[in-house]
Amino acid sequence: MVYSAEAPLPVPVIKVPKYVEEHIERTKKKEFFKNMKAKSMNKIAYRGDTSIPVISSTVGEYNYYLGQVYNEKYALPVQSKFWFKAKSAGQKFRINPYDTNPSLALPDPNEYVDDVYFPNAFSKMKLNENIVNALSHDFNYNTPTRIQTLVIPRILLGRHVLIVSEAGGGKTMSYLAPVIHQLSSLKKTVEPLPDSPLALIIVPGRELAEQIGEVAFKLGNSCNVDARVLVSNGTKQKHLTLYPNSKVDLLVASIGSLNKLFKKNKIMLGNVHHIVLDEADTLVDSSFIDDTTFLLQKLMIKTSSLNQFGAQLILSSSIYPSGVDEIFNNEIKKDDVIKVCSPYLHRIPPHIEQRFWRVSNDGKAGELLDLVKPDYNKKKPIMIFCNKSPTCDWLSLFLEENGIHNGKFHGGVNPVYRSDLFRSFQKGSFNVIVCTDLASRGLDTQRVKHVINFDFPNNVSDYLLRIGRVGRVGTNHGRVTSLVNSKSTVYTVNDIETAIRKSERISNVDSNIKEKIRKLYFTP
């Protein structure tokens, strides 16, 4: 039997007009966004002032307005929590300036319970008249900042003080002015001895010592107080020497240089009446604590506010020094130290524009060029931060090859050359500096208008110090742009965005990163 194969009958197709398909697609999309909006609105208990956007996002549902309150029943909507995925590259959000510089806000008299009077003018603080005039004419300080108002009267009373305030708030002058005032009075009754300073200002590194020394020398000249700087020349062959047999009233020194000099019997510390630890969070962390405790053990520090014998201890920092308890002992007690902490400590500054860009590894260098060129052509000073010295070297060369003249500032650069380089940057000889976190602490960067995080920091403390290079007291400018491409740094972005949306301090801010890493990876 022969079978014949017949072709199957065609299946009937119902054709839908194109405009109907488009209508269905639009309806589905509209319904989807309607549901998304409904879910988003449920997360918001109060929308806030929509005329003042605090966070502007490329994804509209993540916009955040001043005073906005989220519903606690729902998880906090944080855009950067999706940035762990590489496909999120291209997303951006911006923290807009929404308030004035908090460092300029005067304290509320009802906020403090002690009997200290906090005047709102230098002329009312019982400072030497020559110092008051110098603050106005030489430093353009006409009105004290918040921290200066709270600190100067306490130091003048002879109390031990711990100063912790946001970067750029005028902490240096808050201790320099009263210490120099007291030295001026002390010299009338105490004869300075050769190589035996009356006051010490201790810092972690060379650049900060030179910068503070310049300010101290200028202010000290107004009332016959001699301030000098002790730094190493960066080589091991040459001995560290103080000016031979000189009578120094105020000595500014790096901790390493001072200890070396003391061990060589080139300096005596028995006549010290005031000790300042600037960048105290670094001086008491695991990197410097041994040097710091060695020095403090050689000094006589007064044991209470009622005891007039011994030296006055002042600690100053932009990050709360978590290791400060290690310097307290039977002689120096916590209760003897007055803590003056800014209410804005460990908060994102409200007067600085901060942009966060999720970028890919391949597009990161190109994004940087697009950021730098407009400012470079307008001669706006820029600081570009990297996490490691080799990255600084590569990026500096990359920028030079693209016609952007710059300078390098990191630990691998000779200290003498590094100091000269930063001085040239301050004078405007060039406008782009590529640096590590060595340049994020204490340095006077009032002329800087843009900070770029080419490498985003792995911890919040470094971020707070970096952005403190702009928006400082005396300046009204400041912008920060962060390129985020590493998954490990997204955690830091999460912490920052969360703190803004909750209107809270950033949690777990600790400058002792070395100890945090040790506990995380090496503690059994």
Protein backbone atom coordinates (compact mmCIF):
# COMPACT_ATOMS: atom_id res chain seq x y z
CA MET A 1 0.00 0.00 0.00
CA VAL A 2 1.36 3.42 -0.98
CA TYR A 3 0.85 6.41 1.32
CA SER A 4 1.04 9.93 -0.01
CA ALA A 5 2.40 12.74 2.25
CA GLU A 6 0.16 15.70 2.26
CA ALA A 7 1.26 19.18 3.45
CA PRO A 8 -0.31 20.16 6.85
CA LEU A 9 -2.99 22.77 6.71
CA PRO A 10 -1.79 26.26 7.78
CA VAL A 11 -2.68 27.30 11.35
CA PRO A 12 -4.92 30.33 11.33
CA VAL A 13 -3.25 33.46 12.83
CA ILE A 14 -5.26 36.21 14.43
CA LYS A 15 -3.48 39.48 13.68
CA VAL A 16 -3.73 42.31 16.23
CA PRO A 17 -3.39 45.82 14.87
CA LYS A 18 -0.10 47.53 15.73
CA TYR A 19 -1.77 50.39 17.59
CA VAL A 20 -3.56 47.88 19.83
CA GLU A 21 -0.24 46.17 20.69
CA GLU A 22 1.30 49.55 21.55
CA HIS A 23 -1.71 50.46 23.67
CA ILE A 24 -1.45 47.20 25.61
CA GLU A 25 2.29 47.75 26.14
CA ARG A 26 1.74 51.31 27.41
CA THR A 27 -1.00 50.11 29.75
CA LYS A 28 1.26 47.41 31.23
CA LYS A 29 4.11 49.87 31.70
CA LYS A 30 1.79 52.43 33.27
CA GLU A 31 0.42 49.82 35.66
CA PHE A 32 3.93 48.69 36.57
CA PHE A 33 5.10 52.22 37.48
CA LYS A 34 1.84 52.86 39.29
CA ASN A 35 2.46 49.85 41.50
CA MET A 36 6.08 50.90 42.01
CA LYS A 37 5.00 54.39 43.01
CA ALA A 38 2.40 53.00 45.41
CA LYS A 39 5.02 50.81 47.08
CA SER A 40 7.43 53.77 47.24
CA MET A 41 4.79 56.05 48.74
CA ASN A 42 4.02 53.48 51.41
CA LYS A 43 7.66 53.68 52.50
CA ILE A 44 7.39 57.45 53.05
CA ALA A 45 5.60 58.62 56.19
CA TYR A 46 6.18 62.32 55.44
CA ARG A 47 7.46 63.74 52.17
CA GLY A 48 9.17 66.82 53.67
CA ASP A 49 9.93 70.11 51.94
CA THR A 50 9.95 69.20 48.24
CA SER A 51 11.47 72.58 47.37
CA ILE A 52 14.74 71.51 49.03
CA PRO A 53 16.06 68.24 47.56
CA VAL A 54 18.79 66.75 49.76
CA ILE A 55 19.42 63.72 47.51
CA SER A 56 18.82 63.91 43.77
CA SER A 57 19.00 60.56 42.00
CA THR A 58 18.99 59.29 38.45
CA VAL A 59 16.26 56.96 39.71
CA GLY A 60 13.39 59.24 40.70
CA GLU A 61 11.97 57.09 43.49
CA TYR A 62 15.22 57.58 45.45
CA ASN A 63 14.96 61.36 45.65
CA TYR A 64 15.04 62.57 49.24
CA TYR A 65 13.84 65.94 50.54
CA LEU A 66 14.65 67.99 53.63
CA GLY A 67 12.62 66.72 56.58
CA GLN A 68 11.45 63.58 54.80
CA VAL A 69 10.53 60.72 57.15
CA TYR A 70 10.41 57.05 56.12
CA ASN A 71 7.90 54.47 57.34
CA GLU A 72 9.66 52.17 59.79
CA LYS A 73 7.56 49.20 58.61
CA TYR A 74 9.52 49.09 55.37
CA ALA A 75 13.20 48.69 54.63
CA LEU A 76 14.96 52.00 54.08
CA PRO A 77 15.19 52.70 50.31
CA VAL A 78 18.93 53.03 49.65
CA GLN A 79 19.92 53.34 46.01
CA SER A 80 23.54 52.32 46.50
CA LYS A 81 22.58 48.92 47.94
CA PHE A 82 22.17 47.79 44.30
CA TRP A 83 25.65 49.04 43.36
CA PHE A 84 27.31 45.74 44.21
CA LYS A 85 26.20 44.59 40.75
CA ALA A 86 28.32 45.68 37.81
CA LYS A 87 25.22 46.40 35.71
CA SER A 88 24.46 49.34 38.03
CA ALA A 89 27.29 51.28 36.32
CA GLY A 90 25.96 54.61 35.09
CA GLN A 91 23.75 55.26 38.11
CA LYS A 92 24.36 58.48 40.03
CA PHE A 93 23.05 60.39 42.97
CA ARG A 94 23.95 63.77 44.43
CA ILE A 95 23.82 65.21 47.94
CA ASN A 96 22.88 68.85 47.45
CA PRO A 97 23.92 71.70 49.77
CA TYR A 98 20.91 72.35 51.99
CA ASP A 99 22.31 74.41 54.88
CA THR A 100 25.15 76.75 55.86
CA ASN A 101 28.51 75.72 57.28
CA PRO A 102 27.71 74.26 60.72
CA SER A 103 31.11 75.33 62.06
CA LEU A 104 29.91 78.95 61.98
CA ALA A 105 26.84 78.31 64.16
CA LEU A 106 27.26 79.75 67.65
CA PRO A 107 26.44 77.43 70.58
CA ASP A 108 23.14 77.57 72.37
CA PRO A 109 23.74 78.82 75.96
CA ASN A 110 21.17 76.34 77.24
CA GLU A 111 23.09 73.46 75.68
CA TYR A 112 25.82 73.50 78.32
CA VAL A 113 25.49 73.04 82.07
CA ASP A 114 28.88 74.20 83.36
CA ASP A 115 29.58 77.73 84.55
CA VAL A 116 31.96 78.72 81.76
CA TYR A 117 30.98 81.89 79.89
CA PHE A 118 31.15 81.51 76.09
CA PRO A 119 31.48 84.95 74.47
CA ASN A 120 30.80 85.39 70.77
CA ALA A 121 33.77 87.70 70.11
CA PHE A 122 37.55 87.31 70.53
CA SER A 123 37.69 90.69 72.26
CA LYS A 124 35.45 89.32 75.06
CA MET A 125 37.57 86.20 75.71
CA LYS A 126 40.25 87.92 77.85
CA LEU A 127 42.86 87.22 75.19
CA ASN A 128 45.95 89.38 74.79
CA GLU A 129 44.94 92.48 72.84
CA ASN A 130 47.79 91.93 70.38
CA ILE A 131 46.52 88.41 69.66
CA VAL A 132 42.99 89.73 69.05
CA ASN A 133 44.34 92.30 66.60
CA ALA A 134 46.49 89.70 64.83
CA LEU A 135 43.49 87.34 64.47
CA SER A 136 41.57 90.11 62.73
CA HIS A 137 44.28 91.73 60.58
CA ASP A 138 46.66 88.84 59.83
CA PHE A 139 44.24 85.88 59.71
CA ASN A 140 40.91 87.52 58.85
CA TYR A 141 39.24 85.96 61.92
CA ASN A 142 36.62 88.53 62.89
CA THR A 143 34.10 86.21 64.55
CA PRO A 144 35.00 82.99 66.37
CA THR A 145 33.70 79.70 65.04
CA ARG A 146 31.52 77.46 67.16
CA ILE A 147 34.42 75.32 68.36
CA GLN A 148 36.61 78.35 69.09
CA THR A 149 33.83 79.85 71.22
CA LEU A 150 33.61 76.66 73.29
CA VAL A 151 37.31 75.82 73.56
CA ILE A 152 39.25 79.07 74.10
CA PRO A 153 37.65 79.97 77.47
CA ARG A 154 38.24 76.44 78.79
CA ILE A 155 41.90 76.40 77.79
CA LEU A 156 42.39 79.83 79.39
CA LEU A 157 41.10 78.30 82.64
CA GLY A 158 43.97 75.81 82.50
CA ARG A 159 41.80 72.73 81.99
CA HIS A 160 42.78 69.62 80.04
CA VAL A 161 40.63 69.65 76.89
CA LEU A 162 39.74 67.13 74.18
CA ILE A 163 38.57 68.98 71.04
CA VAL A 164 36.67 66.91 68.48
CA SER A 165 35.05 68.77 65.61
CA GLU A 166 34.42 68.49 61.88
CA ALA A 167 37.32 69.26 59.53
CA GLY A 168 37.80 72.89 58.60
CA GLY A 169 36.08 74.27 61.71
CA GLY A 170 39.00 76.29 63.11
CA LYS A 171 40.36 73.82 65.67
CA THR A 172 44.00 74.90 65.19
CA MET A 173 43.33 78.49 66.17
CA SER A 174 41.08 77.34 69.03
CA TYR A 175 44.15 76.04 70.88
CA LEU A 176 46.90 78.22 69.38
CA ALA A 177 45.41 81.55 70.50
CA PRO A 178 44.95 80.64 74.21
CA VAL A 179 48.25 78.72 74.44
CA ILE A 180 50.23 81.64 72.99
CA HIS A 181 48.31 84.00 75.28
CA GLN A 182 49.36 81.93 78.31
CA LEU A 183 52.96 81.71 77.11
CA SER A 184 53.10 85.48 76.77
CA SER A 185 52.05 85.83 80.42
CA LEU A 186 54.29 82.96 81.56
CA LYS A 187 57.44 84.55 80.08
CA LYS A 188 57.03 87.48 82.46
CA THR A 189 57.76 85.18 85.42
CA VAL A 190 59.62 82.19 83.91
CA GLU A 191 62.95 82.46 82.13
CA PRO A 192 63.11 80.13 79.09
CA LEU A 193 66.07 77.75 79.16
CA PRO A 194 68.19 76.72 76.16
CA ASP A 195 66.75 73.75 74.23
CA SER A 196 63.86 73.57 76.72
CA PRO A 197 60.54 74.69 75.19
CA LEU A 198 57.66 75.99 77.29
CA ALA A 199 55.02 74.39 75.04
CA LEU A 200 54.84 71.48 72.58
CA ILE A 201 52.51 70.89 69.65
CA ILE A 202 52.86 67.28 68.50
CA VAL A 203 51.58 66.07 65.11
CA PRO A 204 51.92 62.82 63.11
CA GLY A 205 53.79 64.20 60.08
CA ARG A 206 56.05 66.82 58.60
CA GLU A 207 53.66 68.82 56.41
CA LEU A 208 51.19 69.49 59.21
CA ALA A 209 54.03 70.50 61.56
CA GLU A 210 55.31 73.05 59.04
CA GLN A 211 51.84 74.44 58.41
CA ILE A 212 50.98 74.85 62.11
CA GLY A 213 54.46 76.25 62.71
CA GLU A 214 53.90 79.01 60.17
CA VAL A 215 50.63 80.04 61.82
CA ALA A 216 52.14 79.83 65.33
CA PHE A 217 55.17 81.90 64.31
CA LYS A 218 52.98 84.59 62.80
CA LEU A 219 50.61 84.73 65.79
CA GLY A 220 53.44 84.48 68.32
CA ASN A 221 55.20 87.48 66.80
CA SER A 222 52.29 89.64 67.90
CA CYS A 223 53.12 89.12 71.58
CA ASN A 224 56.81 88.18 71.71
CA VAL A 225 56.35 84.39 71.74
CA ASP A 226 58.98 82.53 69.71
CA ALA A 227 57.53 79.54 67.80
CA ARG A 228 59.68 77.16 65.78
CA VAL A 229 59.30 73.89 63.87
CA LEU A 230 61.28 70.69 64.27
CA VAL A 231 61.24 68.30 61.31
CA SER A 232 63.50 65.63 59.93
CA ASN A 233 65.23 66.17 56.61
CA GLY A 234 64.02 62.76 55.46
CA THR A 235 67.39 60.99 55.63
CA LYS A 236 68.86 58.64 58.23
CA GLN A 237 72.44 59.88 57.86
CA LYS A 238 71.96 63.37 59.24
CA HIS A 239 71.30 63.86 62.96
CA LEU A 240 68.19 65.69 64.01
CA THR A 241 69.25 68.92 65.70
CA LEU A 242 67.36 71.77 67.27
CA TYR A 243 68.67 75.30 66.88
CA PRO A 244 71.79 74.97 69.12
CA ASN A 245 71.29 76.41 72.60
CA SER A 246 68.28 78.40 71.46
CA LYS A 247 65.49 79.54 73.77
CA VAL A 248 62.29 78.31 72.12
CA ASP A 249 58.93 79.17 73.65
CA LEU A 250 56.70 77.01 71.43
CA LEU A 251 57.98 74.00 69.53
CA VAL A 252 55.92 72.31 66.78
CA ALA A 253 57.23 68.85 65.96
CA SER A 254 56.33 65.51 64.42
CA ILE A 255 56.16 62.76 67.04
CA GLY A 256 58.96 60.74 65.46
CA SER A 257 61.38 63.66 65.16
CA LEU A 258 60.80 64.83 68.73
CA ASN A 259 61.32 61.38 70.25
CA LYS A 260 64.54 60.88 68.30
CA LEU A 261 65.81 64.23 69.47
CA PHE A 262 64.89 63.49 73.08
CA LYS A 263 66.65 60.11 73.00
CA LYS A 264 69.79 61.85 71.75
CA ASN A 265 69.59 64.28 74.70
CA LYS A 266 69.27 67.22 72.32
CA ILE A 267 66.17 68.59 74.03
CA MET A 268 64.83 68.84 77.59
CA LEU A 269 61.15 68.48 78.43
CA GLY A 270 61.12 69.41 82.11
CA ASN A 271 60.04 73.01 81.45
CA VAL A 272 56.95 72.19 79.31
CA HIS A 273 53.74 73.89 80.52
CA HIS A 274 51.42 73.08 77.59
CA ILE A 275 51.18 69.94 75.43
CA VAL A 276 48.97 69.74 72.34
CA LEU A 277 48.37 66.49 70.44
CA ASP A 278 46.98 67.54 67.06
CA GLU A 279 45.36 64.84 64.90
CA ALA A 280 45.01 62.98 68.19
CA ASP A 281 43.05 60.12 66.61
CA THR A 282 46.19 59.19 64.65
CA LEU A 283 48.59 59.78 67.53
CA VAL A 284 46.68 57.36 69.77
CA ASP A 285 45.96 54.67 67.18
CA SER A 286 48.00 51.50 66.89
CA SER A 287 50.51 53.12 64.51
CA PHE A 288 51.68 55.85 66.90
CA ILE A 289 50.45 54.91 70.40
CA ASP A 290 53.84 53.57 71.53
CA ASP A 291 55.60 56.80 70.52
CA THR A 292 52.86 58.91 72.12
CA THR A 293 52.85 57.08 75.46
CA PHE A 294 56.67 57.17 75.54
CA LEU A 295 56.58 60.95 75.19
CA LEU A 296 53.79 61.51 77.72
CA GLN A 297 55.65 59.40 80.29
CA LYS A 298 58.57 61.86 80.06
CA LEU A 299 56.33 64.85 80.76
CA MET A 300 54.78 66.02 83.99
CA ILE A 301 51.05 66.52 83.37
CA LYS A 302 48.96 68.11 86.09
CA THR A 303 46.54 65.70 87.70
CA SER A 304 43.49 67.94 88.25
CA SER A 305 42.09 71.40 87.55
CA LEU A 306 42.93 72.37 91.16
CA ASN A 307 46.58 71.44 90.77
CA GLN A 308 48.60 74.27 89.27
CA PHE A 309 51.79 72.19 88.88
CA GLY A 310 52.46 70.26 85.71
CA ALA A 311 51.55 70.75 82.07
CA GLN A 312 48.16 71.35 80.50
CA LEU A 313 47.11 68.64 78.01
CA ILE A 314 45.10 69.49 74.89
CA LEU A 315 44.00 66.95 72.27
CA SER A 316 42.54 67.97 68.91
CA SER A 317 40.98 65.77 66.23
CA SER A 318 38.46 65.66 63.38
CA ILE A 319 37.58 62.03 64.18
CA TYR A 320 36.83 60.90 67.71
CA PRO A 321 40.06 59.21 68.92
CA SER A 322 38.87 55.71 69.80
CA GLY A 323 42.22 54.84 71.38
CA VAL A 324 42.37 57.87 73.67
CA ASP A 325 41.68 55.77 76.77
CA GLU A 326 45.09 54.14 76.37
CA ILE A 327 46.88 57.35 77.35
CA PHE A 328 44.89 57.68 80.56
CA ASN A 329 46.45 56.13 83.67
CA ASN A 330 46.57 56.69 87.39
CA GLU A 331 47.99 60.16 86.83
CA ILE A 332 45.85 61.30 83.88
CA LYS A 333 42.21 60.41 84.45
CA LYS A 334 39.21 60.72 82.14
CA ASP A 335 37.43 63.02 84.55
CA ASP A 336 40.31 65.51 84.39
CA VAL A 337 39.73 66.05 80.65
CA ILE A 338 36.83 68.18 79.37
CA LYS A 339 35.43 66.78 76.12
CA VAL A 340 34.24 69.42 73.66
CA CYS A 341 32.55 67.56 70.80
CA SER A 342 30.74 69.27 67.95
CA PRO A 343 27.10 68.15 67.46
CA TYR A 344 27.97 67.86 63.76
CA LEU A 345 30.80 65.40 64.37
CA HIS A 346 30.75 62.33 62.07
CA ARG A 347 27.96 63.85 59.99
CA ILE A 348 27.96 64.61 56.28
CA PRO A 349 28.52 68.39 55.98
CA PRO A 350 25.32 70.09 54.75
CA HIS A 351 27.06 72.89 52.81
CA ILE A 352 29.11 70.78 50.37
CA GLU A 353 27.82 69.32 47.10
CA GLN A 354 28.73 65.62 46.96
CA ARG A 355 28.25 63.48 43.86
CA PHE A 356 28.48 59.67 43.71
CA TRP A 357 28.94 57.97 40.35
CA ARG A 358 28.84 54.20 39.88
CA VAL A 359 31.37 53.57 37.12
CA SER A 360 32.84 50.55 35.39
CA ASN A 361 36.52 49.64 35.66
CA ASP A 362 37.07 50.31 31.96
CA GLY A 363 35.35 53.69 31.97
CA LYS A 364 36.83 55.07 35.19
CA ALA A 365 39.83 56.88 33.71
CA GLY A 366 37.70 58.44 30.97
CA GLU A 367 35.16 59.67 33.52
CA LEU A 368 37.99 61.29 35.46
CA LEU A 369 39.25 63.16 32.42
CA ASP A 370 35.75 64.46 31.73
CA LEU A 371 35.63 65.72 35.32
CA VAL A 372 39.07 67.32 35.43
CA LYS A 373 39.30 69.08 32.07
CA PRO A 374 36.54 71.71 32.57
CA ASP A 375 37.94 72.74 35.97
CA TYR A 376 41.52 72.61 34.70
CA ASN A 377 40.69 74.93 31.81
CA LYS A 378 39.07 77.34 34.28
CA LYS A 379 42.14 77.09 36.57
CA LYS A 380 40.13 75.73 39.49
CA PRO A 381 42.31 73.94 42.09
CA ILE A 382 41.60 70.19 42.32
CA MET A 383 42.70 67.43 44.69
CA ILE A 384 42.44 63.87 43.32
CA PHE A 385 42.65 61.10 45.92
CA CYS A 386 43.91 57.58 45.34
CA ASN A 387 44.12 54.76 47.87
CA LYS A 388 47.69 53.69 47.05
CA SER A 389 50.94 55.36 46.02
CA PRO A 390 51.42 53.32 42.79
CA THR A 391 47.98 54.44 41.64
CA CYS A 392 49.05 58.04 42.27
CA ASP A 393 52.14 57.54 40.12
CA TRP A 394 50.15 56.01 37.27
CA LEU A 395 47.36 58.58 37.42
CA SER A 396 49.78 61.50 37.52
CA LEU A 397 51.49 60.21 34.37
CA PHE A 398 48.11 59.55 32.72
CA LEU A 399 46.99 63.13 33.34
CA GLU A 400 50.29 64.56 32.06
CA GLU A 401 49.91 62.54 28.86
CA ASN A 402 46.49 64.12 28.43
CA GLY A 403 47.79 67.67 28.84
CA ILE A 404 46.96 68.18 32.53
CA HIS A 405 49.96 69.37 34.55
CA ASN A 406 49.89 68.07 38.12
CA GLY A 407 51.93 67.20 41.18
CA LYS A 408 52.20 63.96 43.20
CA PHE A 409 51.81 63.86 46.98
CA HIS A 410 52.24 60.52 48.74
CA GLY A 411 54.50 58.67 51.16
CA GLY A 412 56.88 57.53 48.43
CA VAL A 413 57.81 61.11 47.56
CA ASN A 414 60.82 62.65 49.33
CA PRO A 415 59.49 64.63 52.34
CA VAL A 416 61.44 67.79 51.50
CA TYR A 417 60.25 67.74 47.89
CA ARG A 418 56.73 66.95 49.09
CA SER A 419 56.66 70.02 51.36
CA ASP A 420 57.93 72.26 48.56
CA LEU A 421 55.37 70.77 46.20
CA PHE A 422 52.43 71.46 48.50
CA ARG A 423 53.68 74.99 49.16
CA SER A 424 53.79 75.59 45.40
CA PHE A 425 50.26 74.22 45.08
CA GLN A 426 49.05 76.62 47.78
CA LYS A 427 50.69 79.52 45.97
CA GLY A 428 48.94 78.59 42.70
CA SER A 429 51.96 77.42 40.71
CA PHE A 430 49.80 74.51 39.53
CA ASN A 431 46.19 73.54 40.15
CA VAL A 432 45.96 69.73 40.18
CA ILE A 433 47.46 67.55 42.89
CA VAL A 434 47.21 63.75 42.88
CA CYS A 435 47.52 62.39 46.40
CA THR A 436 46.88 59.66 48.94
CA ASP A 437 45.25 60.13 52.35
CA LEU A 438 48.54 61.64 53.53
CA ALA A 439 47.10 64.93 52.22
CA SER A 440 43.70 64.52 53.86
CA ARG A 441 44.67 65.48 57.42
CA GLY A 442 44.91 68.98 58.79
CA LEU A 443 46.49 70.66 55.77
CA ASP A 444 45.22 74.13 54.89
CA THR A 445 43.46 73.68 51.55
CA GLN A 446 41.25 76.77 51.44
CA ARG A 447 41.94 77.36 47.76
CA VAL A 448 40.77 73.87 46.71
CA LYS A 449 37.40 73.94 44.95
CA HIS A 450 36.94 70.34 43.86
CA VAL A 451 37.89 67.05 45.52
CA ILE A 452 37.72 63.94 43.34
CA ASN A 453 37.88 60.44 44.78
CA PHE A 454 39.39 58.50 41.90
CA ASP A 455 39.62 55.61 44.36
CA PHE A 456 36.74 55.66 46.80
CA PRO A 457 37.94 55.06 50.40
CA ASN A 458 37.21 51.80 52.15
CA ASN A 459 36.12 53.53 55.36
CA VAL A 460 33.99 56.50 56.34
CA SER A 461 36.67 58.27 58.40
CA ASP A 462 38.89 58.74 55.35
CA TYR A 463 35.92 60.03 53.35
CA LEU A 464 35.09 62.63 56.02
CA LEU A 465 38.71 63.79 56.12
CA ARG A 466 38.96 64.02 52.33
CA ILE A 467 35.81 66.10 51.91
CA GLY A 468 37.09 68.34 54.70
CA ARG A 469 39.57 69.73 52.15
CA VAL A 470 36.73 71.88 50.74
CA GLY A 471 34.03 74.02 52.32
CA ARG A 472 36.35 75.12 55.12
CA VAL A 473 35.77 78.16 57.31
CA GLY A 474 36.63 81.23 55.27
CA THR A 475 35.53 79.66 51.97
CA ASN A 476 32.13 79.42 50.35
CA HIS A 477 32.96 76.86 47.71
CA GLY A 478 33.29 73.13 47.64
CA ARG A 479 32.33 70.14 45.57
CA VAL A 480 33.21 66.47 45.91
CA THR A 481 32.86 63.83 43.19
CA SER A 482 33.39 60.15 43.97
CA LEU A 483 33.91 57.45 41.36
CA VAL A 484 32.72 54.11 42.78
CA ASN A 485 33.79 50.97 40.93
CA SER A 486 34.90 48.56 43.64
CA LYS A 487 32.36 46.34 45.37
CA SER A 488 34.22 46.65 48.68
CA THR A 489 33.77 50.43 48.74
CA VAL A 490 30.02 50.22 48.16
CA TYR A 491 29.62 49.43 51.88
CA THR A 492 31.04 52.88 52.67
CA VAL A 493 28.64 54.53 50.21
CA ASN A 494 25.78 52.63 51.87
CA ASP A 495 26.76 54.01 55.29
CA ILE A 496 26.91 57.57 53.97
CA GLU A 497 23.59 57.41 52.09
CA THR A 498 21.85 55.72 55.03
CA ALA A 499 23.05 58.38 57.48
CA ILE A 500 21.72 61.16 55.23
CA ARG A 501 18.31 59.52 54.79
CA LYS A 502 18.01 58.89 58.55
CA SER A 503 19.40 62.35 59.46
CA GLU A 504 21.83 60.66 61.84
CA ARG A 505 25.54 60.46 62.52
CA ILE A 506 27.45 57.93 60.46
CA SER A 507 27.90 54.82 62.56
CA ASN A 508 31.19 53.02 63.28
CA VAL A 509 33.49 55.91 62.37
CA ASP A 510 36.94 54.79 63.49
CA SER A 511 40.23 56.21 62.24
CA ASN A 512 42.23 53.26 63.60
CA ILE A 513 41.81 51.30 60.38
CA LYS A 514 44.92 49.20 61.03
CA GLU A 515 43.37 47.83 64.23
CA LYS A 516 40.00 47.23 62.53
CA ILE A 517 41.70 45.15 59.83
CA ARG A 518 43.64 43.20 62.46
CA LYS A 519 40.46 42.34 64.37
CA LEU A 520 38.63 41.44 61.18
CA TYR A 521 41.24 39.11 59.67
CA PHE A 522 43.72 38.11 62.37
CA THR A 523 41.75 37.72 65.61
CA PRO A 524 40.88 34.07 66.32
